[in-house]
Amino acid sequence: MNKTRSLAVAGLLLLLASCSTPPVAPAGPGAPTEPAATALSTVVLLGDSIAVGEALPLAAAMEAGGVRFRSLAAEGGGNVVGPFAEEQWAQLPGRIAEAAPSLVLYQLSTFDWGTGAEQRAAYDRLLGAVTAAGADLLFVTAPPIRPDDFYAPHMADLARAPDVARAVAAGSSGRAAVLDAAAVWGPDHQRERDGRPDRNADGVHTCPQGAARFTVWLLDELARRYPGFTPAPATAWADTGWAGDDHFAGC
């Protein structure tokens, strides 16, 4: 583990202790319909290489909380619309069914390029694959990126994707919802938080601190929706070795 990552891990428990909040009770009558299975037994994560990094602490946290977890996120892809999507679809429904999830998380990908109609068709298709496997679907908005020449032509598509996902969720009869991760990342890309690297120098991926903050937030969001799920404390998963993974080398 390099010095930067060592320092990040050293401050991680203190940071998470300050940002972690107790689970909030489910909303009362009249609240928007959202996925809420009777038990959170198995969680599957879908997404691109940003999600690959986030899956590292999330896997440790889910294990500590007694929930089975499987990441199907993919480097350089993992998207359900845009480039690489057809290759993904050749295997995705079967891989979801094989995992037998109660919940599928799809973090909107930085490769979710296409028209609104193309995005809508892909997200509807994903919802169909997830519900066919007996699971609910939570779309999770992606962190803001610092676009380079590769991403710049597609920023309008990425900006549109959350609203398209919300439209799909609204027509899902309660089987899907959208989590807005702006509470974690803010509206704009921010390299450092609390004096430590939060996002990778490449302007896209997360650092251990950012991935851990995302995990705390997501665990709390799941606790809101699944009353039987109690997140494990950060002390049980924050310093279990995942922060030394090579995925965080740019931090």
C-alpha atoms as a PDB file:
ATOM      1  CA  MET A   1       0.000   0.000   0.000  1.00  0.00           C
ATOM      2  CA  ASN A   2       1.499   3.396  -0.925  1.00  0.00           C
ATOM      3  CA  LYS A   3       1.830   6.301   1.496  1.00  0.00           C
ATOM      4  CA  THR A   4      -1.255   8.132   0.239  1.00  0.00           C
ATOM      5  CA  ARG A   5      -3.452   5.089   0.673  1.00  0.00           C
ATOM      6  CA  SER A   6      -1.930   4.356   4.090  1.00  0.00           C
ATOM      7  CA  LEU A   7      -2.797   7.858   5.240  1.00  0.00           C
ATOM      8  CA  ALA A   8      -6.298   7.506   3.829  1.00  0.00           C
ATOM      9  CA  VAL A   9      -6.893   4.289   5.733  1.00  0.00           C
ATOM     10  CA  ALA A  10      -5.452   5.789   8.914  1.00  0.00           C
ATOM     11  CA  GLY A  11      -8.091   8.536   8.838  1.00  0.00           C
ATOM     12  CA  LEU A  12     -10.923   6.407   7.491  1.00  0.00           C
ATOM     13  CA  LEU A  13     -12.448   5.215  10.747  1.00  0.00           C
ATOM     14  CA  LEU A  14     -12.468   8.734  12.194  1.00  0.00           C
ATOM     15  CA  LEU A  15     -14.054  10.137   9.056  1.00  0.00           C
ATOM     16  CA  LEU A  16     -16.718   7.435   8.857  1.00  0.00           C
ATOM     17  CA  ALA A  17     -17.546   7.786  12.521  1.00  0.00           C
ATOM     18  CA  SER A  18     -18.334  11.443  11.873  1.00  0.00           C
ATOM     19  CA  CYS A  19     -20.419  10.921   8.725  1.00  0.00           C
ATOM     20  CA  SER A  20     -22.261   7.735   9.654  1.00  0.00           C
ATOM     21  CA  THR A  21     -25.833   8.169  10.820  1.00  0.00           C
ATOM     22  CA  PRO A  22     -28.249   5.759  12.486  1.00  0.00           C
ATOM     23  CA  PRO A  23     -30.702   4.004  10.173  1.00  0.00           C
ATOM     24  CA  VAL A  24     -33.878   5.992   9.616  1.00  0.00           C
ATOM     25  CA  ALA A  25     -37.254   4.357  10.052  1.00  0.00           C
ATOM     26  CA  PRO A  26     -39.255   3.706   6.880  1.00  0.00           C
ATOM     27  CA  ALA A  27     -41.418   6.571   5.664  1.00  0.00           C
ATOM     28  CA  GLY A  28     -45.017   6.603   6.802  1.00  0.00           C
ATOM     29  CA  PRO A  29     -48.245   6.445   4.797  1.00  0.00           C
ATOM     30  CA  GLY A  30     -48.330   8.612   1.712  1.00  0.00           C
ATOM     31  CA  ALA A  31     -44.615   8.281   0.983  1.00  0.00           C
ATOM     32  CA  PRO A  32     -43.568   7.380  -2.568  1.00  0.00           C
ATOM     33  CA  THR A  33     -43.691   3.672  -3.322  1.00  0.00           C
ATOM     34  CA  GLU A  34     -40.208   2.189  -3.304  1.00  0.00           C
ATOM     35  CA  PRO A  35     -38.752  -1.316  -3.361  1.00  0.00           C
ATOM     36  CA  ALA A  36     -38.986  -2.953   0.059  1.00  0.00           C
ATOM     37  CA  ALA A  37     -38.616  -6.721   0.121  1.00  0.00           C
ATOM     38  CA  THR A  38     -39.299  -8.584   3.341  1.00  0.00           C
ATOM     39  CA  ALA A  39     -35.604  -9.385   3.690  1.00  0.00           C
ATOM     40  CA  LEU A  40     -32.376  -8.124   2.203  1.00  0.00           C
ATOM     41  CA  SER A  41     -30.775 -11.480   1.528  1.00  0.00           C
ATOM     42  CA  THR A  42     -28.591 -11.057  -1.561  1.00  0.00           C
ATOM     43  CA  VAL A  43     -27.512  -7.810  -3.237  1.00  0.00           C
ATOM     44  CA  VAL A  44     -26.087  -7.617  -6.756  1.00  0.00           C
ATOM     45  CA  LEU A  45     -24.230  -4.512  -7.930  1.00  0.00           C
ATOM     46  CA  LEU A  46     -24.077  -3.513 -11.588  1.00  0.00           C
ATOM     47  CA  GLY A  47     -22.108  -0.670 -13.103  1.00  0.00           C
ATOM     48  CA  ASP A  48     -18.857   0.393 -14.689  1.00  0.00           C
ATOM     49  CA  SER A  49     -15.344   0.735 -13.273  1.00  0.00           C
ATOM     50  CA  ILE A  50     -16.508   3.360 -10.772  1.00  0.00           C
ATOM     51  CA  ALA A  51     -18.761   0.687  -9.278  1.00  0.00           C
ATOM     52  CA  VAL A  52     -15.870  -1.797  -9.373  1.00  0.00           C
ATOM     53  CA  GLY A  53     -14.032   0.384  -6.861  1.00  0.00           C
ATOM     54  CA  GLU A  54     -17.105   0.998  -4.743  1.00  0.00           C
ATOM     55  CA  ALA A  55     -17.773  -2.741  -4.621  1.00  0.00           C
ATOM     56  CA  LEU A  56     -14.598  -3.292  -2.586  1.00  0.00           C
ATOM     57  CA  PRO A  57     -15.741  -1.673   0.680  1.00  0.00           C
ATOM     58  CA  LEU A  58     -19.350  -2.542  -0.063  1.00  0.00           C
ATOM     59  CA  ALA A  59     -18.514  -6.250  -0.200  1.00  0.00           C
ATOM     60  CA  ALA A  60     -16.731  -6.015   3.154  1.00  0.00           C
ATOM     61  CA  ALA A  61     -19.611  -4.082   4.698  1.00  0.00           C
ATOM     62  CA  MET A  62     -22.272  -6.470   3.391  1.00  0.00           C
ATOM     63  CA  GLU A  63     -20.356  -9.476   4.675  1.00  0.00           C
ATOM     64  CA  ALA A  64     -20.029  -7.818   8.078  1.00  0.00           C
ATOM     65  CA  GLY A  65     -23.784  -7.164   8.018  1.00  0.00           C
ATOM     66  CA  GLY A  66     -24.703 -10.736   7.131  1.00  0.00           C
ATOM     67  CA  VAL A  67     -25.900 -10.001   3.585  1.00  0.00           C
ATOM     68  CA  ARG A  68     -24.678 -11.922   0.554  1.00  0.00           C
ATOM     69  CA  PHE A  69     -23.159  -9.634  -2.060  1.00  0.00           C
ATOM     70  CA  ARG A  70     -22.049 -10.101  -5.636  1.00  0.00           C
ATOM     71  CA  SER A  71     -20.533  -7.476  -7.891  1.00  0.00           C
ATOM     72  CA  LEU A  72     -21.183  -7.758 -11.621  1.00  0.00           C
ATOM     73  CA  ALA A  73     -19.641  -4.344 -12.240  1.00  0.00           C
ATOM     74  CA  ALA A  74     -17.111  -4.263 -15.059  1.00  0.00           C
ATOM     75  CA  GLU A  75     -14.024  -2.280 -15.952  1.00  0.00           C
ATOM     76  CA  GLY A  76     -14.487  -0.389 -19.208  1.00  0.00           C
ATOM     77  CA  GLY A  77     -18.159  -1.288 -19.526  1.00  0.00           C
ATOM     78  CA  GLY A  78     -20.857  -2.656 -17.281  1.00  0.00           C
ATOM     79  CA  ASN A  79     -23.427  -0.461 -18.990  1.00  0.00           C
ATOM     80  CA  VAL A  80     -26.831  -1.521 -20.326  1.00  0.00           C
ATOM     81  CA  VAL A  81     -27.055   1.117 -23.064  1.00  0.00           C
ATOM     82  CA  GLY A  82     -24.401   2.616 -25.308  1.00  0.00           C
ATOM     83  CA  PRO A  83     -21.072   1.028 -26.307  1.00  0.00           C
ATOM     84  CA  PHE A  84     -20.431  -2.504 -25.029  1.00  0.00           C
ATOM     85  CA  ALA A  85     -24.093  -2.858 -24.017  1.00  0.00           C
ATOM     86  CA  GLU A  86     -24.971  -5.664 -26.418  1.00  0.00           C
ATOM     87  CA  GLU A  87     -21.977  -7.656 -25.225  1.00  0.00           C
ATOM     88  CA  GLN A  88     -23.203  -7.109 -21.677  1.00  0.00           C
ATOM     89  CA  TRP A  89     -26.749  -8.192 -22.513  1.00  0.00           C
ATOM     90  CA  ALA A  90     -25.545 -11.496 -23.959  1.00  0.00           C
ATOM     91  CA  GLN A  91     -24.834 -12.669 -20.401  1.00  0.00           C
ATOM     92  CA  LEU A  92     -26.468 -10.232 -17.990  1.00  0.00           C
ATOM     93  CA  PRO A  93     -29.959 -11.770 -17.501  1.00  0.00           C
ATOM     94  CA  GLY A  94     -28.466 -15.185 -16.833  1.00  0.00           C
ATOM     95  CA  ARG A  95     -25.888 -13.821 -14.415  1.00  0.00           C
ATOM     96  CA  ILE A  96     -28.562 -11.924 -12.502  1.00  0.00           C
ATOM     97  CA  ALA A  97     -30.795 -14.984 -12.296  1.00  0.00           C
ATOM     98  CA  GLU A  98     -27.859 -17.152 -11.177  1.00  0.00           C
ATOM     99  CA  ALA A  99     -27.130 -14.797  -8.281  1.00  0.00           C
ATOM    100  CA  ALA A 100     -30.762 -15.099  -7.035  1.00  0.00           C
ATOM    101  CA  PRO A 101     -30.791 -11.559  -5.627  1.00  0.00           C
ATOM    102  CA  SER A 102     -33.436  -9.860  -3.542  1.00  0.00           C
ATOM    103  CA  LEU A 103     -32.096  -6.492  -4.731  1.00  0.00           C
ATOM    104  CA  VAL A 104     -30.129  -5.318  -7.761  1.00  0.00           C
ATOM    105  CA  LEU A 105     -28.300  -1.999  -7.645  1.00  0.00           C
ATOM    106  CA  TYR A 106     -27.445  -0.380 -10.948  1.00  0.00           C
ATOM    107  CA  GLN A 107     -25.161   2.593 -10.622  1.00  0.00           C
ATOM    108  CA  LEU A 108     -25.750   4.561 -13.788  1.00  0.00           C
ATOM    109  CA  SER A 109     -22.686   4.139 -15.949  1.00  0.00           C
ATOM    110  CA  THR A 110     -20.449   6.741 -17.519  1.00  0.00           C
ATOM    111  CA  PHE A 111     -21.003   4.732 -20.709  1.00  0.00           C
ATOM    112  CA  ASP A 112     -24.816   5.101 -20.670  1.00  0.00           C
ATOM    113  CA  TRP A 113     -24.694   6.978 -23.968  1.00  0.00           C
ATOM    114  CA  GLY A 114     -27.660   7.246 -26.307  1.00  0.00           C
ATOM    115  CA  THR A 115     -30.894   9.057 -26.928  1.00  0.00           C
ATOM    116  CA  GLY A 116     -33.545   9.295 -24.259  1.00  0.00           C
ATOM    117  CA  ALA A 117     -35.529   6.602 -26.063  1.00  0.00           C
ATOM    118  CA  GLU A 118     -32.505   4.295 -26.148  1.00  0.00           C
ATOM    119  CA  GLN A 119     -31.837   4.836 -22.472  1.00  0.00           C
ATOM    120  CA  ARG A 120     -35.493   4.258 -21.628  1.00  0.00           C
ATOM    121  CA  ALA A 121     -35.590   0.987 -23.573  1.00  0.00           C
ATOM    122  CA  ALA A 122     -32.410  -0.247 -21.864  1.00  0.00           C
ATOM    123  CA  TYR A 123     -33.550   0.636 -18.345  1.00  0.00           C
ATOM    124  CA  ASP A 124     -36.937  -0.972 -19.001  1.00  0.00           C
ATOM    125  CA  ARG A 125     -35.097  -4.051 -20.259  1.00  0.00           C
ATOM    126  CA  LEU A 126     -32.990  -4.117 -17.105  1.00  0.00           C
ATOM    127  CA  LEU A 127     -36.080  -3.822 -14.932  1.00  0.00           C
ATOM    128  CA  GLY A 128     -37.599  -6.767 -16.771  1.00  0.00           C
ATOM    129  CA  ALA A 129     -34.495  -8.913 -16.227  1.00  0.00           C
ATOM    130  CA  VAL A 130     -34.349  -7.995 -12.547  1.00  0.00           C
ATOM    131  CA  THR A 131     -38.016  -8.628 -11.807  1.00  0.00           C
ATOM    132  CA  ALA A 132     -37.880 -11.909 -13.745  1.00  0.00           C
ATOM    133  CA  ALA A 133     -35.221 -12.971 -11.238  1.00  0.00           C
ATOM    134  CA  GLY A 134     -37.578 -12.092  -8.371  1.00  0.00           C
ATOM    135  CA  ALA A 135     -35.668  -8.991  -7.284  1.00  0.00           C
ATOM    136  CA  ASP A 136     -36.248  -5.270  -6.953  1.00  0.00           C
ATOM    137  CA  LEU A 137     -34.140  -2.656  -8.723  1.00  0.00           C
ATOM    138  CA  LEU A 138     -32.522   0.470  -7.344  1.00  0.00           C
ATOM    139  CA  PHE A 139     -30.912   2.834  -9.825  1.00  0.00           C
ATOM    140  CA  VAL A 140     -28.122   4.849  -8.194  1.00  0.00           C
ATOM    141  CA  THR A 141     -26.896   8.062  -9.759  1.00  0.00           C
ATOM    142  CA  ALA A 142     -23.210   8.185 -10.686  1.00  0.00           C
ATOM    143  CA  PRO A 143     -20.726  10.593  -9.138  1.00  0.00           C
ATOM    144  CA  PRO A 144     -19.993  13.705 -11.205  1.00  0.00           C
ATOM    145  CA  ILE A 145     -16.891  13.371 -13.342  1.00  0.00           C
ATOM    146  CA  ARG A 146     -14.314  15.770 -14.732  1.00  0.00           C
ATOM    147  CA  PRO A 147     -14.838  15.067 -18.437  1.00  0.00           C
ATOM    148  CA  ASP A 148     -11.931  14.730 -20.812  1.00  0.00           C
ATOM    149  CA  ASP A 149     -12.132  14.613 -24.607  1.00  0.00           C
ATOM    150  CA  PHE A 150     -13.442  11.035 -24.404  1.00  0.00           C
ATOM    151  CA  TYR A 151     -16.459  11.914 -22.267  1.00  0.00           C
ATOM    152  CA  ALA A 152     -17.165  15.486 -23.380  1.00  0.00           C
ATOM    153  CA  PRO A 153     -19.386  14.559 -26.371  1.00  0.00           C
ATOM    154  CA  HIS A 154     -21.601  12.403 -24.128  1.00  0.00           C
ATOM    155  CA  MET A 155     -22.183  14.621 -21.117  1.00  0.00           C
ATOM    156  CA  ALA A 156     -25.728  15.520 -22.213  1.00  0.00           C
ATOM    157  CA  ASP A 157     -26.582  11.812 -22.308  1.00  0.00           C
ATOM    158  CA  LEU A 158     -25.153  11.266 -18.831  1.00  0.00           C
ATOM    159  CA  ALA A 159     -27.041  14.297 -17.498  1.00  0.00           C
ATOM    160  CA  ARG A 160     -30.303  12.919 -18.915  1.00  0.00           C
ATOM    161  CA  ALA A 161     -29.904   9.375 -17.586  1.00  0.00           C
ATOM    162  CA  PRO A 162     -31.157   9.959 -14.010  1.00  0.00           C
ATOM    163  CA  ASP A 163     -34.436  11.458 -15.225  1.00  0.00           C
ATOM    164  CA  VAL A 164     -34.918   8.558 -17.635  1.00  0.00           C
ATOM    165  CA  ALA A 165     -34.318   6.130 -14.774  1.00  0.00           C
ATOM    166  CA  ARG A 166     -36.869   8.009 -12.661  1.00  0.00           C
ATOM    167  CA  ALA A 167     -39.440   7.659 -15.439  1.00  0.00           C
ATOM    168  CA  VAL A 168     -38.815   3.905 -15.569  1.00  0.00           C
ATOM    169  CA  ALA A 169     -39.099   3.657 -11.790  1.00  0.00           C
ATOM    170  CA  ALA A 170     -42.345   5.635 -11.816  1.00  0.00           C
ATOM    171  CA  GLY A 171     -43.917   3.056 -14.119  1.00  0.00           C
ATOM    172  CA  SER A 172     -42.551   0.019 -12.302  1.00  0.00           C
ATOM    173  CA  SER A 173     -45.459  -0.605  -9.904  1.00  0.00           C
ATOM    174  CA  GLY A 174     -43.099  -0.182  -6.983  1.00  0.00           C
ATOM    175  CA  ARG A 175     -40.422  -2.587  -8.198  1.00  0.00           C
ATOM    176  CA  ALA A 176     -37.829   0.117  -8.863  1.00  0.00           C
ATOM    177  CA  ALA A 177     -36.649   3.437  -7.450  1.00  0.00           C
ATOM    178  CA  VAL A 178     -33.798   5.895  -7.923  1.00  0.00           C
ATOM    179  CA  LEU A 179     -31.275   6.847  -5.241  1.00  0.00           C
ATOM    180  CA  ASP A 180     -29.692  10.251  -5.757  1.00  0.00           C
ATOM    181  CA  ALA A 181     -26.064  10.002  -4.622  1.00  0.00           C
ATOM    182  CA  ALA A 182     -25.618  13.790  -4.676  1.00  0.00           C
ATOM    183  CA  ALA A 183     -25.686  13.539  -0.891  1.00  0.00           C
ATOM    184  CA  VAL A 184     -22.309  11.788  -1.174  1.00  0.00           C
ATOM    185  CA  TRP A 185     -20.629  13.568  -4.061  1.00  0.00           C
ATOM    186  CA  GLY A 186     -22.233  16.988  -4.312  1.00  0.00           C
ATOM    187  CA  PRO A 187     -23.175  18.584  -7.641  1.00  0.00           C
ATOM    188  CA  ASP A 188     -19.642  18.882  -9.032  1.00  0.00           C
ATOM    189  CA  HIS A 189     -16.494  16.795  -9.159  1.00  0.00           C
ATOM    190  CA  GLN A 190     -14.398  17.379  -6.057  1.00  0.00           C
ATOM    191  CA  ARG A 191     -10.929  15.836  -5.867  1.00  0.00           C
ATOM    192  CA  GLU A 192     -10.384  16.200  -2.098  1.00  0.00           C
ATOM    193  CA  ARG A 193     -12.580  16.256   0.975  1.00  0.00           C
ATOM    194  CA  ASP A 194     -11.435  16.824   4.527  1.00  0.00           C
ATOM    195  CA  GLY A 195      -7.915  17.304   3.188  1.00  0.00           C
ATOM    196  CA  ARG A 196      -7.667  13.791   1.726  1.00  0.00           C
ATOM    197  CA  PRO A 197      -8.129  12.370  -1.797  1.00  0.00           C
ATOM    198  CA  ASP A 198     -11.771  11.470  -2.327  1.00  0.00           C
ATOM    199  CA  ARG A 199     -11.700  10.987  -6.094  1.00  0.00           C
ATOM    200  CA  ASN A 200      -9.026   9.551  -8.343  1.00  0.00           C
ATOM    201  CA  ALA A 201      -6.681  11.909 -10.163  1.00  0.00           C
ATOM    202  CA  ASP A 202      -8.188  10.691 -13.457  1.00  0.00           C
ATOM    203  CA  GLY A 203     -11.328  12.708 -12.713  1.00  0.00           C
ATOM    204  CA  VAL A 204     -13.629   9.693 -12.875  1.00  0.00           C
ATOM    205  CA  HIS A 205     -12.997   7.003 -10.270  1.00  0.00           C
ATOM    206  CA  THR A 206     -13.117   7.052  -6.480  1.00  0.00           C
ATOM    207  CA  CYS A 207     -10.401   6.804  -3.878  1.00  0.00           C
ATOM    208  CA  PRO A 208     -10.775   4.642  -0.746  1.00  0.00           C
ATOM    209  CA  GLN A 209     -12.211   7.552   1.212  1.00  0.00           C
ATOM    210  CA  GLY A 210     -14.849   8.285  -1.417  1.00  0.00           C
ATOM    211  CA  ALA A 211     -15.750   4.625  -1.829  1.00  0.00           C
ATOM    212  CA  ALA A 212     -16.110   4.282   1.936  1.00  0.00           C
ATOM    213  CA  ARG A 213     -18.295   7.390   2.229  1.00  0.00           C
ATOM    214  CA  PHE A 214     -20.478   6.017  -0.555  1.00  0.00           C
ATOM    215  CA  THR A 215     -20.780   2.721   1.314  1.00  0.00           C
ATOM    216  CA  VAL A 216     -21.907   4.406   4.540  1.00  0.00           C
ATOM    217  CA  TRP A 217     -24.530   6.401   2.656  1.00  0.00           C
ATOM    218  CA  LEU A 218     -25.787   3.393   0.698  1.00  0.00           C
ATOM    219  CA  LEU A 219     -26.043   1.204   3.795  1.00  0.00           C
ATOM    220  CA  ASP A 220     -28.179   3.850   5.478  1.00  0.00           C
ATOM    221  CA  GLU A 221     -30.392   4.133   2.399  1.00  0.00           C
ATOM    222  CA  LEU A 222     -30.896   0.358   2.371  1.00  0.00           C
ATOM    223  CA  ALA A 223     -31.724   0.375   6.064  1.00  0.00           C
ATOM    224  CA  ARG A 224     -34.507   2.860   5.309  1.00  0.00           C
ATOM    225  CA  ARG A 225     -36.059   0.470   2.824  1.00  0.00           C
ATOM    226  CA  TYR A 226     -35.403  -2.860   4.496  1.00  0.00           C
ATOM    227  CA  PRO A 227     -36.384  -2.691   8.186  1.00  0.00           C
ATOM    228  CA  GLY A 228     -34.763  -6.064   8.908  1.00  0.00           C
ATOM    229  CA  PHE A 229     -31.360  -4.860   7.715  1.00  0.00           C
ATOM    230  CA  THR A 230     -28.985  -3.325  10.247  1.00  0.00           C
ATOM    231  CA  PRO A 231     -25.715  -2.052   8.747  1.00  0.00           C
ATOM    232  CA  ALA A 232     -22.526  -3.211  10.421  1.00  0.00           C
ATOM    233  CA  PRO A 233     -20.517  -0.407  12.063  1.00  0.00           C
ATOM    234  CA  ALA A 234     -17.660   1.028  10.034  1.00  0.00           C
ATOM    235  CA  THR A 235     -15.174  -0.462  12.503  1.00  0.00           C
ATOM    236  CA  ALA A 236     -16.187  -3.904  11.212  1.00  0.00           C
ATOM    237  CA  TRP A 237     -15.264  -3.275   7.570  1.00  0.00           C
ATOM    238  CA  ALA A 238     -13.344  -0.029   6.985  1.00  0.00           C
ATOM    239  CA  ASP A 239      -9.862  -1.420   7.634  1.00  0.00           C
ATOM    240  CA  THR A 240     -10.082  -4.978   6.308  1.00  0.00           C
ATOM    241  CA  GLY A 241      -7.552  -4.574   3.490  1.00  0.00           C
ATOM    242  CA  TRP A 242      -9.730  -3.523   0.566  1.00  0.00           C
ATOM    243  CA  ALA A 243      -8.241   0.000   0.479  1.00  0.00           C
ATOM    244  CA  GLY A 244      -4.919  -1.448  -0.673  1.00  0.00           C
ATOM    245  CA  ASP A 245      -6.418  -2.828  -3.877  1.00  0.00           C
ATOM    246  CA  ASP A 246      -4.638  -1.818  -7.097  1.00  0.00           C
ATOM    247  CA  HIS A 247      -7.895  -0.265  -8.333  1.00  0.00           C
ATOM    248  CA  PHE A 248      -7.045   2.743  -6.141  1.00  0.00           C
ATOM    249  CA  ALA A 249      -3.530   3.172  -7.517  1.00  0.00           C
ATOM    250  CA  GLY A 250      -4.314   6.623  -8.950  1.00  0.00           C
ATOM    251  CA  CYS A 251      -5.141   7.983  -5.519  1.00  0.00           C
END
